[in-house]
C-alpha atoms as a PDB file:
ATOM      1  CA  MET A   1     -12.216 -15.849  -1.669  1.00  0.00           C
ATOM      2  CA  MET A   2     -13.053 -12.150  -1.357  1.00  0.00           C
ATOM      3  CA  ALA A   3     -16.351 -10.989  -2.786  1.00  0.00           C
ATOM      4  CA  VAL A   4     -16.100  -8.328  -5.458  1.00  0.00           C
ATOM      5  CA  GLN A   5     -17.524  -5.026  -4.233  1.00  0.00           C
ATOM      6  CA  PRO A   6     -20.221  -3.526  -6.473  1.00  0.00           C
ATOM      7  CA  ARG A   7     -19.210  -0.343  -8.269  1.00  0.00           C
ATOM      8  CA  LEU A   8     -21.989   2.040  -9.261  1.00  0.00           C
ATOM      9  CA  GLU A   9     -22.116   5.291 -11.214  1.00  0.00           C
ATOM     10  CA  PRO A  10     -24.083   8.307  -9.987  1.00  0.00           C
ATOM     11  CA  GLY A  11     -27.164   9.014 -12.072  1.00  0.00           C
ATOM     12  CA  PRO A  12     -30.756  10.264 -11.923  1.00  0.00           C
ATOM     13  CA  ASP A  13     -31.686   7.729  -9.217  1.00  0.00           C
ATOM     14  CA  HIS A  14     -28.593   8.524  -7.104  1.00  0.00           C
ATOM     15  CA  PRO A  15     -27.105  11.902  -8.066  1.00  0.00           C
ATOM     16  CA  ILE A  16     -23.779  13.075  -6.657  1.00  0.00           C
ATOM     17  CA  THR A  17     -22.271  16.508  -7.163  1.00  0.00           C
ATOM     18  CA  VAL A  18     -18.902  17.829  -5.973  1.00  0.00           C
ATOM     19  CA  GLU A  19     -18.551  21.600  -6.045  1.00  0.00           C
ATOM     20  CA  PRO A  20     -16.255  24.176  -4.459  1.00  0.00           C
ATOM     21  CA  GLU A  21     -17.695  25.546  -1.222  1.00  0.00           C
ATOM     22  CA  GLN A  22     -18.251  29.297  -1.482  1.00  0.00           C
ATOM     23  CA  HIS A  23     -17.602  29.950   2.232  1.00  0.00           C
ATOM     24  CA  ARG A  24     -14.755  29.385   4.664  1.00  0.00           C
ATOM     25  CA  VAL A  25     -15.352  26.093   6.469  1.00  0.00           C
ATOM     26  CA  THR A  26     -14.177  25.938  10.078  1.00  0.00           C
ATOM     27  CA  VAL A  27     -14.122  22.739  12.132  1.00  0.00           C
ATOM     28  CA  ARG A  28     -13.917  22.849  15.936  1.00  0.00           C
ATOM     29  CA  PHE A  29     -13.257  19.873  18.191  1.00  0.00           C
ATOM     30  CA  GLY A  30     -13.344  20.232  21.954  1.00  0.00           C
ATOM     31  CA  GLY A  31     -13.840  23.981  21.525  1.00  0.00           C
ATOM     32  CA  ARG A  32     -10.693  24.592  19.479  1.00  0.00           C
ATOM     33  CA  VAL A  33     -10.248  25.086  15.750  1.00  0.00           C
ATOM     34  CA  ILE A  34      -8.716  21.992  14.164  1.00  0.00           C
ATOM     35  CA  ALA A  35      -9.379  22.906  10.519  1.00  0.00           C
ATOM     36  CA  SER A  36     -10.151  25.997   8.500  1.00  0.00           C
ATOM     37  CA  SER A  37     -10.334  26.190   4.731  1.00  0.00           C
ATOM     38  CA  THR A  38     -11.416  28.375   1.854  1.00  0.00           C
ATOM     39  CA  SER A  39     -10.790  25.437  -0.527  1.00  0.00           C
ATOM     40  CA  SER A  40     -13.345  22.925   0.733  1.00  0.00           C
ATOM     41  CA  LEU A  41     -15.515  20.829  -1.526  1.00  0.00           C
ATOM     42  CA  ARG A  42     -19.241  20.319  -0.935  1.00  0.00           C
ATOM     43  CA  LEU A  43     -20.387  16.813  -1.846  1.00  0.00           C
ATOM     44  CA  ALA A  44     -24.145  16.413  -2.238  1.00  0.00           C
ATOM     45  CA  GLU A  45     -25.264  12.793  -2.583  1.00  0.00           C
ATOM     46  CA  SER A  46     -28.832  11.748  -3.289  1.00  0.00           C
ATOM     47  CA  THR A  47     -31.069  12.606  -0.311  1.00  0.00           C
ATOM     48  CA  TYR A  48     -28.235  12.668   2.279  1.00  0.00           C
ATOM     49  CA  PRO A  49     -27.145  15.915   3.951  1.00  0.00           C
ATOM     50  CA  ALA A  50     -24.301  17.607   2.052  1.00  0.00           C
ATOM     51  CA  VAL A  51     -20.800  16.911   3.376  1.00  0.00           C
ATOM     52  CA  GLN A  52     -17.849  19.290   3.496  1.00  0.00           C
ATOM     53  CA  TYR A  53     -14.537  17.767   2.400  1.00  0.00           C
ATOM     54  CA  LEU A  54     -11.567  19.851   3.549  1.00  0.00           C
ATOM     55  CA  PRO A  55      -8.103  19.609   2.012  1.00  0.00           C
ATOM     56  CA  ARG A  56      -5.858  17.513   4.263  1.00  0.00           C
ATOM     57  CA  ALA A  57      -3.356  20.405   4.246  1.00  0.00           C
ATOM     58  CA  ASP A  58      -5.956  22.616   6.005  1.00  0.00           C
ATOM     59  CA  VAL A  59      -6.457  20.181   8.912  1.00  0.00           C
ATOM     60  CA  ASP A  60      -4.186  20.191  11.979  1.00  0.00           C
ATOM     61  CA  PRO A  61      -2.316  16.874  11.636  1.00  0.00           C
ATOM     62  CA  ALA A  62      -1.651  16.761  15.398  1.00  0.00           C
ATOM     63  CA  VAL A  63      -5.317  15.965  16.099  1.00  0.00           C
ATOM     64  CA  LEU A  64      -5.509  13.008  13.683  1.00  0.00           C
ATOM     65  CA  THR A  65      -4.851   9.449  14.829  1.00  0.00           C
ATOM     66  CA  GLU A  66      -4.410   6.380  12.657  1.00  0.00           C
ATOM     67  CA  SER A  67      -7.153   3.792  12.290  1.00  0.00           C
ATOM     68  CA  ASP A  68      -7.521   0.446  10.550  1.00  0.00           C
ATOM     69  CA  HIS A  69     -11.261   1.017  10.103  1.00  0.00           C
ATOM     70  CA  THR A  70     -12.622   1.070   6.545  1.00  0.00           C
ATOM     71  CA  THR A  71     -16.047   1.238   4.929  1.00  0.00           C
ATOM     72  CA  TYR A  72     -17.139   0.849   1.337  1.00  0.00           C
ATOM     73  CA  CYS A  73     -19.410   3.023  -0.810  1.00  0.00           C
ATOM     74  CA  PRO A  74     -20.260   1.657  -4.267  1.00  0.00           C
ATOM     75  CA  TYR A  75     -20.326   5.244  -5.605  1.00  0.00           C
ATOM     76  CA  LYS A  76     -17.163   6.617  -3.978  1.00  0.00           C
ATOM     77  CA  GLY A  77     -14.907   3.646  -3.145  1.00  0.00           C
ATOM     78  CA  THR A  78     -13.207   2.515   0.056  1.00  0.00           C
ATOM     79  CA  ALA A  79     -13.084   5.034   2.892  1.00  0.00           C
ATOM     80  CA  ARG A  80     -10.322   5.051   5.497  1.00  0.00           C
ATOM     81  CA  TYR A  81     -10.619   6.723   8.888  1.00  0.00           C
ATOM     82  CA  HIS A  82      -8.815   8.807  11.483  1.00  0.00           C
ATOM     83  CA  GLY A  83      -9.632   9.336  15.109  1.00  0.00           C
ATOM     84  CA  LEU A  84      -9.498  12.760  16.751  1.00  0.00           C
ATOM     85  CA  ARG A  85      -7.158  13.536  19.666  1.00  0.00           C
ATOM     86  CA  ASP A  86      -8.346  16.280  22.022  1.00  0.00           C
ATOM     87  CA  ALA A  87      -6.141  18.721  23.959  1.00  0.00           C
ATOM     88  CA  ASP A  88      -5.924  16.252  26.870  1.00  0.00           C
ATOM     89  CA  GLY A  89      -4.772  13.395  24.627  1.00  0.00           C
ATOM     90  CA  ASN A  90      -8.093  11.534  24.653  1.00  0.00           C
ATOM     91  CA  VAL A  91      -8.999   9.940  21.322  1.00  0.00           C
ATOM     92  CA  THR A  92     -12.454   9.775  19.771  1.00  0.00           C
ATOM     93  CA  ALA A  93     -12.176   6.935  17.256  1.00  0.00           C
ATOM     94  CA  ASP A  94     -13.126   6.982  13.582  1.00  0.00           C
ATOM     95  CA  LYS A  95     -14.778  10.415  13.315  1.00  0.00           C
ATOM     96  CA  VAL A  96     -12.867  11.571  10.215  1.00  0.00           C
ATOM     97  CA  TRP A  97     -13.053   9.795   6.873  1.00  0.00           C
ATOM     98  CA  PHE A  98     -11.345  10.085   3.530  1.00  0.00           C
ATOM     99  CA  TYR A  99     -11.113   8.274   0.225  1.00  0.00           C
ATOM    100  CA  PRO A 100      -7.454   7.636  -0.697  1.00  0.00           C
ATOM    101  CA  GLU A 101      -8.472   6.505  -4.197  1.00  0.00           C
ATOM    102  CA  PRO A 102     -12.004   7.790  -4.869  1.00  0.00           C
ATOM    103  CA  TYR A 103     -13.862   6.633  -7.950  1.00  0.00           C
ATOM    104  CA  ASP A 104     -13.738   8.896 -11.001  1.00  0.00           C
ATOM    105  CA  ALA A 105     -17.170  10.473 -10.394  1.00  0.00           C
ATOM    106  CA  VAL A 106     -15.912  11.975  -7.110  1.00  0.00           C
ATOM    107  CA  SER A 107     -12.176  12.163  -7.848  1.00  0.00           C
ATOM    108  CA  PRO A 108     -11.838  15.789  -6.611  1.00  0.00           C
ATOM    109  CA  ILE A 109     -12.280  14.591  -2.988  1.00  0.00           C
ATOM    110  CA  ALA A 110      -8.916  12.796  -3.042  1.00  0.00           C
ATOM    111  CA  ASP A 111      -6.629  14.271  -0.333  1.00  0.00           C
ATOM    112  CA  HIS A 112      -9.680  15.729   1.446  1.00  0.00           C
ATOM    113  CA  LEU A 113     -11.094  14.869   4.880  1.00  0.00           C
ATOM    114  CA  ALA A 114     -14.694  14.833   6.092  1.00  0.00           C
ATOM    115  CA  PHE A 115     -15.881  14.954   9.704  1.00  0.00           C
ATOM    116  CA  TYR A 116     -18.829  13.362  11.483  1.00  0.00           C
ATOM    117  CA  PRO A 117     -20.998  16.255  12.718  1.00  0.00           C
ATOM    118  CA  ASP A 118     -21.752  14.403  15.981  1.00  0.00           C
ATOM    119  CA  ALA A 119     -18.072  14.782  16.968  1.00  0.00           C
ATOM    120  CA  VAL A 120     -17.222  18.283  15.752  1.00  0.00           C
ATOM    121  CA  ASP A 121     -18.775  21.685  15.130  1.00  0.00           C
ATOM    122  CA  ILE A 122     -18.675  22.664  11.444  1.00  0.00           C
ATOM    123  CA  SER A 123     -19.441  26.239  10.509  1.00  0.00           C
ATOM    124  CA  LEU A 124     -19.587  28.156   7.232  1.00  0.00           C
ATOM    125  CA  GLU A 125     -18.322  31.722   7.434  1.00  0.00           C
ATOM    126  CA  ASP A 126     -18.067  34.626   5.000  1.00  0.00           C
END
């Protein structure tokens, strides 16, 4: 029998905000631009560093690989993952995450991708 995952609401002890990013967000992997967006969302959660969520449509689909990896956040839901394929065809696994069905409190991040900063360079530009 599967255990039921806890589901929590953001609040004073664990605030979460999702707001439009005011700058262009550019993501580089292996020195080349793989995403650029003026429609990104900035998710700030509790004491964690803010995360940029870029619309899937603004990410080069050729660099994304499928993954069966998932994680669970009681505030956001179940995250799925993609790997990143470099120009030589090498794959770095599970460095992009997304929430196919995010909980209501963070519903704007549906159809958006986030990147681990240890795998890519993320810059904000005017």
